[in-house]
């Protein structure tokens, strides 16, 4: 076995490739004028409200992804060495040739991977919620690290992973490593999971609330929900990412929202407005 196996490369590089491919699709959709009625922020908002230029965002994301790749490779090599160098021997997935599986064993294997996928989603969500909330709770950590991400007041797709490298390691890279280690997903399934989490994170920042997006229909944590967090009044609410809103609901940081049409003289499109009530007072 070489220094890096094909499966290790897939786990490491699939999220990066998916990030730029999927965000590129959103960039193309964003140029379609017919979809302007679904935008949560007008083009004027993106140009005038965002404090980080798109060039700075690209450079910041590439730096963060380089760090994530290094951490991913380190975790994969450590787990491979722990398993005696057999990268495929993980969580009961033997690399030795075996007889063709029966339909029942194939179904059991599929259920096993599905259960591990669910564990990975839970761990990733929990880690990112508490790391994200910590970044907002500590004045030093917010100003020194997390404020970089909030320089993008009007979010767009390829700014999803923009932030300070320390924030990226604590919130993004380590959460992915923890989800991988805790779930015991085999490498190919882990590559799919990390790619899916990447797609979901981009969707949460895309700023395009189209009615035919299946992820927006399947998850309450969508681009409108996260847009509330990016608003000046919502920085202490809606920390959950990227899948569910359960931690926000359990720990009192959930803020509902309504989506209304924005007046044409304000750029048109849609606007996500946070709901203020006695239980959820936006600070």
Protein backbone atom coordinates (compact mmCIF):
# COMPACT_ATOMS: atom_id res chain seq x y z
CA UNK A 1 0.00 0.00 0.00
CA UNK A 2 1.27 3.46 -0.88
CA UNK A 3 1.24 6.46 1.36
CA UNK A 4 -2.30 7.32 0.26
CA UNK A 5 -4.82 4.76 -0.95
CA UNK A 6 -7.56 5.44 -3.46
CA UNK A 7 -10.26 5.27 -0.80
CA UNK A 8 -8.37 7.69 1.43
CA UNK A 9 -8.13 10.09 -1.49
CA UNK A 10 -11.88 9.76 -2.04
CA UNK A 11 -12.68 10.56 1.60
CA UNK A 12 -10.29 13.52 1.52
CA UNK A 13 -10.94 15.07 -1.86
CA UNK A 14 -14.60 14.26 -2.53
CA UNK A 15 -15.90 17.05 -0.23
CA UNK A 16 -13.55 19.58 -1.87
CA UNK A 17 -14.55 18.61 -5.40
CA UNK A 18 -18.25 18.58 -4.49
CA UNK A 19 -17.92 21.98 -2.80
CA UNK A 20 -16.73 23.79 -5.91
CA UNK A 21 -18.95 21.83 -8.30
CA UNK A 22 -22.14 22.35 -6.32
CA UNK A 23 -21.45 25.98 -5.41
CA UNK A 24 -20.61 26.57 -9.07
CA UNK A 25 -24.06 25.33 -10.01
CA UNK A 26 -25.57 27.83 -7.59
CA UNK A 27 -23.44 30.60 -9.03
CA UNK A 28 -24.79 29.75 -12.47
CA UNK A 29 -28.36 29.69 -11.16
CA UNK A 30 -27.77 33.03 -9.44
CA UNK A 31 -27.11 34.64 -12.79
CA UNK A 32 -30.53 33.59 -14.11
CA UNK A 33 -32.78 36.64 -13.80
CA UNK A 34 -35.91 34.49 -13.74
CA UNK A 35 -34.80 33.13 -10.35
CA UNK A 36 -34.35 36.56 -8.77
CA UNK A 37 -37.77 36.22 -7.15
CA UNK A 38 -36.35 33.40 -4.99
CA UNK A 39 -33.27 35.30 -3.80
CA UNK A 40 -33.08 36.12 -0.08
CA UNK A 41 -30.62 38.90 -0.86
CA UNK A 42 -30.46 41.03 -3.95
CA UNK A 43 -27.31 41.44 -5.99
CA UNK A 44 -27.11 44.93 -4.57
CA UNK A 45 -27.11 43.49 -1.04
CA UNK A 46 -24.25 41.13 -1.88
CA UNK A 47 -22.18 43.97 -3.28
CA UNK A 48 -22.89 46.58 -0.61
CA UNK A 49 -23.44 44.63 2.63
CA UNK A 50 -20.73 41.98 2.49
CA UNK A 51 -17.45 43.09 4.03
CA UNK A 52 -15.36 40.33 2.41
CA UNK A 53 -14.80 40.43 -1.33
CA UNK A 54 -15.40 37.30 -3.38
CA UNK A 55 -11.66 37.10 -4.06
CA UNK A 56 -10.99 37.07 -0.31
CA UNK A 57 -13.67 34.43 0.14
CA UNK A 58 -12.14 32.12 -2.48
CA UNK A 59 -8.67 32.47 -0.94
CA UNK A 60 -10.04 31.87 2.56
CA UNK A 61 -12.00 28.77 1.52
CA UNK A 62 -9.01 27.28 -0.32
CA UNK A 63 -6.81 27.78 2.74
CA UNK A 64 -9.39 26.18 4.99
CA UNK A 65 -9.83 23.24 2.64
CA UNK A 66 -6.06 22.68 2.50
CA UNK A 67 -6.03 22.44 6.30
CA UNK A 68 -9.03 20.11 6.27
CA UNK A 69 -7.32 17.84 3.72
CA UNK A 70 -4.22 17.64 5.94
CA UNK A 71 -6.29 16.77 9.02
CA UNK A 72 -8.35 14.25 7.07
CA UNK A 73 -5.25 12.47 5.78
CA UNK A 74 -3.75 12.39 9.27
CA UNK A 75 -6.91 10.84 10.75
CA UNK A 76 -7.13 8.28 7.95
CA UNK A 77 -3.50 7.24 8.29
CA UNK A 78 -3.79 6.91 12.06
CA UNK A 79 -6.90 4.75 11.81
CA UNK A 80 -5.33 2.69 9.03
CA UNK A 81 -2.24 2.00 11.14
CA UNK A 82 -4.42 1.11 14.11
CA UNK A 83 -6.19 -1.46 11.93
CA UNK A 84 -2.85 -2.99 10.97
CA UNK A 85 -2.56 -1.16 7.67
CA UNK A 86 -5.75 -2.59 6.26
CA UNK A 87 -7.67 0.51 5.32
CA UNK A 88 -10.78 -1.48 4.50
CA UNK A 89 -10.88 -3.31 7.82
CA UNK A 90 -13.02 -0.82 9.68
CA UNK A 91 -16.15 -1.43 11.64
CA UNK A 92 -16.34 -5.03 10.53
CA UNK A 93 -15.69 -4.40 6.83
CA UNK A 94 -13.09 -7.01 5.94
CA UNK A 95 -10.88 -6.54 2.90
CA UNK A 96 -10.35 -10.25 2.28
CA UNK A 97 -12.30 -11.82 -0.60
CA UNK A 98 -15.56 -13.38 0.49
CA UNK A 99 -18.36 -15.36 -1.03
CA UNK A 100 -21.09 -13.46 -2.84
CA UNK A 101 -23.43 -12.05 -0.18
CA UNK A 102 -26.99 -13.26 0.06
CA UNK A 103 -29.88 -10.83 -0.20
CA UNK A 104 -30.39 -10.96 3.57
CA UNK A 105 -26.73 -10.23 4.34
CA UNK A 106 -26.71 -7.43 1.76
CA UNK A 107 -29.78 -5.90 3.40
CA UNK A 108 -28.16 -6.21 6.83
CA UNK A 109 -25.01 -4.53 5.54
CA UNK A 110 -27.09 -1.71 4.04
CA UNK A 111 -28.95 -1.21 7.32
CA UNK A 112 -25.63 -1.18 9.16
CA UNK A 113 -24.27 1.58 6.93
CA UNK A 114 -27.55 3.52 7.24
CA UNK A 115 -27.36 3.34 11.04
CA UNK A 116 -23.74 4.50 10.98
CA UNK A 117 -24.74 7.31 8.62
CA UNK A 118 -27.32 8.42 11.17
CA UNK A 119 -24.73 8.36 13.95
CA UNK A 120 -22.40 10.47 11.80
CA UNK A 121 -25.17 13.02 11.20
CA UNK A 122 -25.91 13.21 14.93
CA UNK A 123 -22.24 13.64 15.92
CA UNK A 124 -21.57 16.24 13.22
CA UNK A 125 -24.67 18.22 14.19
CA UNK A 126 -23.88 18.11 17.91
CA UNK A 127 -20.23 19.10 17.47
CA UNK A 128 -21.01 21.96 15.11
CA UNK A 129 -23.82 23.30 17.29
CA UNK A 130 -21.70 23.55 20.44
CA UNK A 131 -18.59 24.75 18.61
CA UNK A 132 -20.64 27.35 16.75
CA UNK A 133 -22.38 28.50 19.91
CA UNK A 134 -19.03 28.74 21.70
CA UNK A 135 -17.75 31.00 18.93
CA UNK A 136 -20.65 33.37 19.61
CA UNK A 137 -20.62 33.06 23.40
CA UNK A 138 -16.97 34.04 23.80
CA UNK A 139 -16.39 37.65 22.83
CA UNK A 140 -12.72 36.92 22.16
CA UNK A 141 -13.39 33.89 19.95
CA UNK A 142 -16.08 35.71 18.01
CA UNK A 143 -14.03 38.83 17.35
CA UNK A 144 -10.77 36.99 16.71
CA UNK A 145 -12.09 34.04 14.70
CA UNK A 146 -15.80 33.65 13.93
CA UNK A 147 -16.44 37.23 12.87
CA UNK A 148 -14.65 36.39 9.62
CA UNK A 149 -17.55 34.17 8.59
CA UNK A 150 -20.05 36.90 9.45
CA UNK A 151 -18.31 39.36 7.17
CA UNK A 152 -20.61 37.74 4.62
CA UNK A 153 -23.88 39.29 5.78
CA UNK A 154 -25.70 38.29 2.59
CA UNK A 155 -24.62 34.63 2.25
CA UNK A 156 -23.99 32.93 -1.08
CA UNK A 157 -23.03 29.38 -2.01
CA UNK A 158 -19.24 29.34 -2.19
CA UNK A 159 -18.93 31.42 0.99
CA UNK A 160 -20.27 28.50 3.05
CA UNK A 161 -16.82 27.51 4.32
CA UNK A 162 -15.32 30.98 4.46
CA UNK A 163 -13.88 31.82 7.86
CA UNK A 164 -10.79 32.05 10.01
CA UNK A 165 -8.64 28.88 9.83
CA UNK A 166 -8.94 28.32 13.60
CA UNK A 167 -12.72 28.49 13.34
CA UNK A 168 -12.59 26.12 10.38
CA UNK A 169 -10.53 23.56 12.29
CA UNK A 170 -12.62 23.68 15.47
CA UNK A 171 -16.02 23.73 13.78
CA UNK A 172 -15.64 22.06 10.40
CA UNK A 173 -12.57 19.80 10.27
CA UNK A 174 -12.76 18.31 13.75
CA UNK A 175 -16.52 17.76 13.52
CA UNK A 176 -16.03 15.74 10.34
CA UNK A 177 -13.23 13.71 11.94
CA UNK A 178 -15.35 13.07 15.03
CA UNK A 179 -18.31 11.96 12.92
CA UNK A 180 -16.09 9.59 10.93
CA UNK A 181 -14.45 8.06 13.99
CA UNK A 182 -17.63 7.78 16.08
CA UNK A 183 -19.74 6.26 13.31
CA UNK A 184 -17.22 3.74 12.02
CA UNK A 185 -18.34 4.38 8.45
CA UNK A 186 -16.30 2.51 5.84
CA UNK A 187 -14.24 4.85 3.63
CA UNK A 188 -16.56 4.94 0.62
CA UNK A 189 -19.62 5.60 2.76
CA UNK A 190 -17.63 8.23 4.68
CA UNK A 191 -16.75 9.95 1.41
CA UNK A 192 -20.45 10.05 0.51
CA UNK A 193 -21.40 11.34 3.97
CA UNK A 194 -18.84 14.14 3.93
CA UNK A 195 -19.87 15.10 0.40
CA UNK A 196 -23.52 15.16 1.49
CA UNK A 197 -22.69 17.32 4.52
CA UNK A 198 -20.81 19.66 2.18
CA UNK A 199 -23.82 19.93 -0.13
CA UNK A 200 -26.06 20.65 2.86
CA UNK A 201 -23.74 23.39 4.14
CA UNK A 202 -23.72 25.04 0.72
CA UNK A 203 -27.51 24.83 0.55
CA UNK A 204 -27.77 26.55 3.93
CA UNK A 205 -25.75 29.49 2.61
CA UNK A 206 -26.95 29.61 -0.99
CA UNK A 207 -29.44 32.45 -0.45
CA UNK A 208 -31.77 30.98 -3.07
CA UNK A 209 -35.02 29.64 -1.58
CA UNK A 210 -36.40 27.76 -4.57
CA UNK A 211 -39.54 25.68 -3.90
CA UNK A 212 -38.27 22.66 -5.82
CA UNK A 213 -35.13 22.10 -3.73
CA UNK A 214 -35.63 18.69 -2.02
CA UNK A 215 -33.15 19.49 0.77
CA UNK A 216 -35.12 22.60 1.72
CA UNK A 217 -38.25 20.47 1.87
CA UNK A 218 -36.63 17.63 3.84
CA UNK A 219 -34.81 19.72 6.47
CA UNK A 220 -36.15 22.53 8.65
CA UNK A 221 -32.56 23.75 8.78
CA UNK A 222 -32.41 25.42 5.38
CA UNK A 223 -31.12 28.60 3.77
CA UNK A 224 -33.87 30.78 5.29
CA UNK A 225 -33.28 29.33 8.76
CA UNK A 226 -29.55 29.99 8.58
CA UNK A 227 -30.07 33.37 6.95
CA UNK A 228 -31.77 34.50 10.17
CA UNK A 229 -28.55 33.66 12.01
CA UNK A 230 -26.52 35.81 9.62
CA UNK A 231 -28.76 38.81 10.19
CA UNK A 232 -27.57 41.39 12.70
CA UNK A 233 -30.52 40.64 14.99
CA UNK A 234 -30.13 36.86 14.84
CA UNK A 235 -26.51 36.23 15.76
CA UNK A 236 -27.46 34.61 19.07
CA UNK A 237 -30.01 32.25 17.53
CA UNK A 238 -30.14 29.35 15.06
CA UNK A 239 -26.69 27.91 15.72
CA UNK A 240 -27.67 24.45 14.48
CA UNK A 241 -25.95 23.22 11.33
CA UNK A 242 -25.98 21.53 8.93
CA UNK A 243 -28.85 19.04 9.24
CA UNK A 244 -31.34 19.45 12.07
CA UNK A 245 -32.64 22.14 14.45
CA UNK A 246 -33.01 19.86 17.48
CA UNK A 247 -30.20 21.45 19.52
CA UNK A 248 -31.61 24.94 18.99
CA UNK A 249 -35.03 23.74 20.14
CA UNK A 250 -33.71 21.85 23.16
CA UNK A 251 -31.43 24.62 24.38
CA UNK A 252 -33.62 27.65 23.71
CA UNK A 253 -31.72 29.18 20.81
CA UNK A 254 -34.31 28.48 18.14
CA UNK A 255 -35.82 31.39 16.21
CA UNK A 256 -38.65 30.83 13.80
CA UNK A 257 -39.08 32.95 10.72
CA UNK A 258 -41.51 34.02 8.06
CA UNK A 259 -40.66 34.42 4.39
CA UNK A 260 -42.22 37.40 2.66
CA UNK A 261 -41.82 39.07 -0.70
CA UNK A 262 -39.45 42.03 -0.67
CA UNK A 263 -40.56 45.25 -2.31
CA UNK A 264 -39.15 45.88 -5.77
CA UNK A 265 -37.51 49.13 -4.73
CA UNK A 266 -35.52 47.10 -2.19
CA UNK A 267 -34.27 44.66 -4.80
CA UNK A 268 -37.24 42.31 -5.00
CA UNK A 269 -37.03 38.63 -4.19
CA UNK A 270 -37.75 37.17 -0.74
CA UNK A 271 -36.91 38.11 2.81
CA UNK A 272 -36.61 35.83 5.85
CA UNK A 273 -37.90 37.71 8.90
CA UNK A 274 -37.20 36.30 12.38
CA UNK A 275 -40.17 35.81 14.67
CA UNK A 276 -39.83 37.52 18.04
CA UNK A 277 -41.84 36.21 20.96
CA UNK A 278 -41.54 35.89 24.72
CA UNK A 279 -39.53 32.70 24.53
CA UNK A 280 -37.18 33.65 21.73
CA UNK A 281 -36.05 37.22 22.11
CA UNK A 282 -33.52 38.06 19.43
CA UNK A 283 -30.54 39.94 20.80
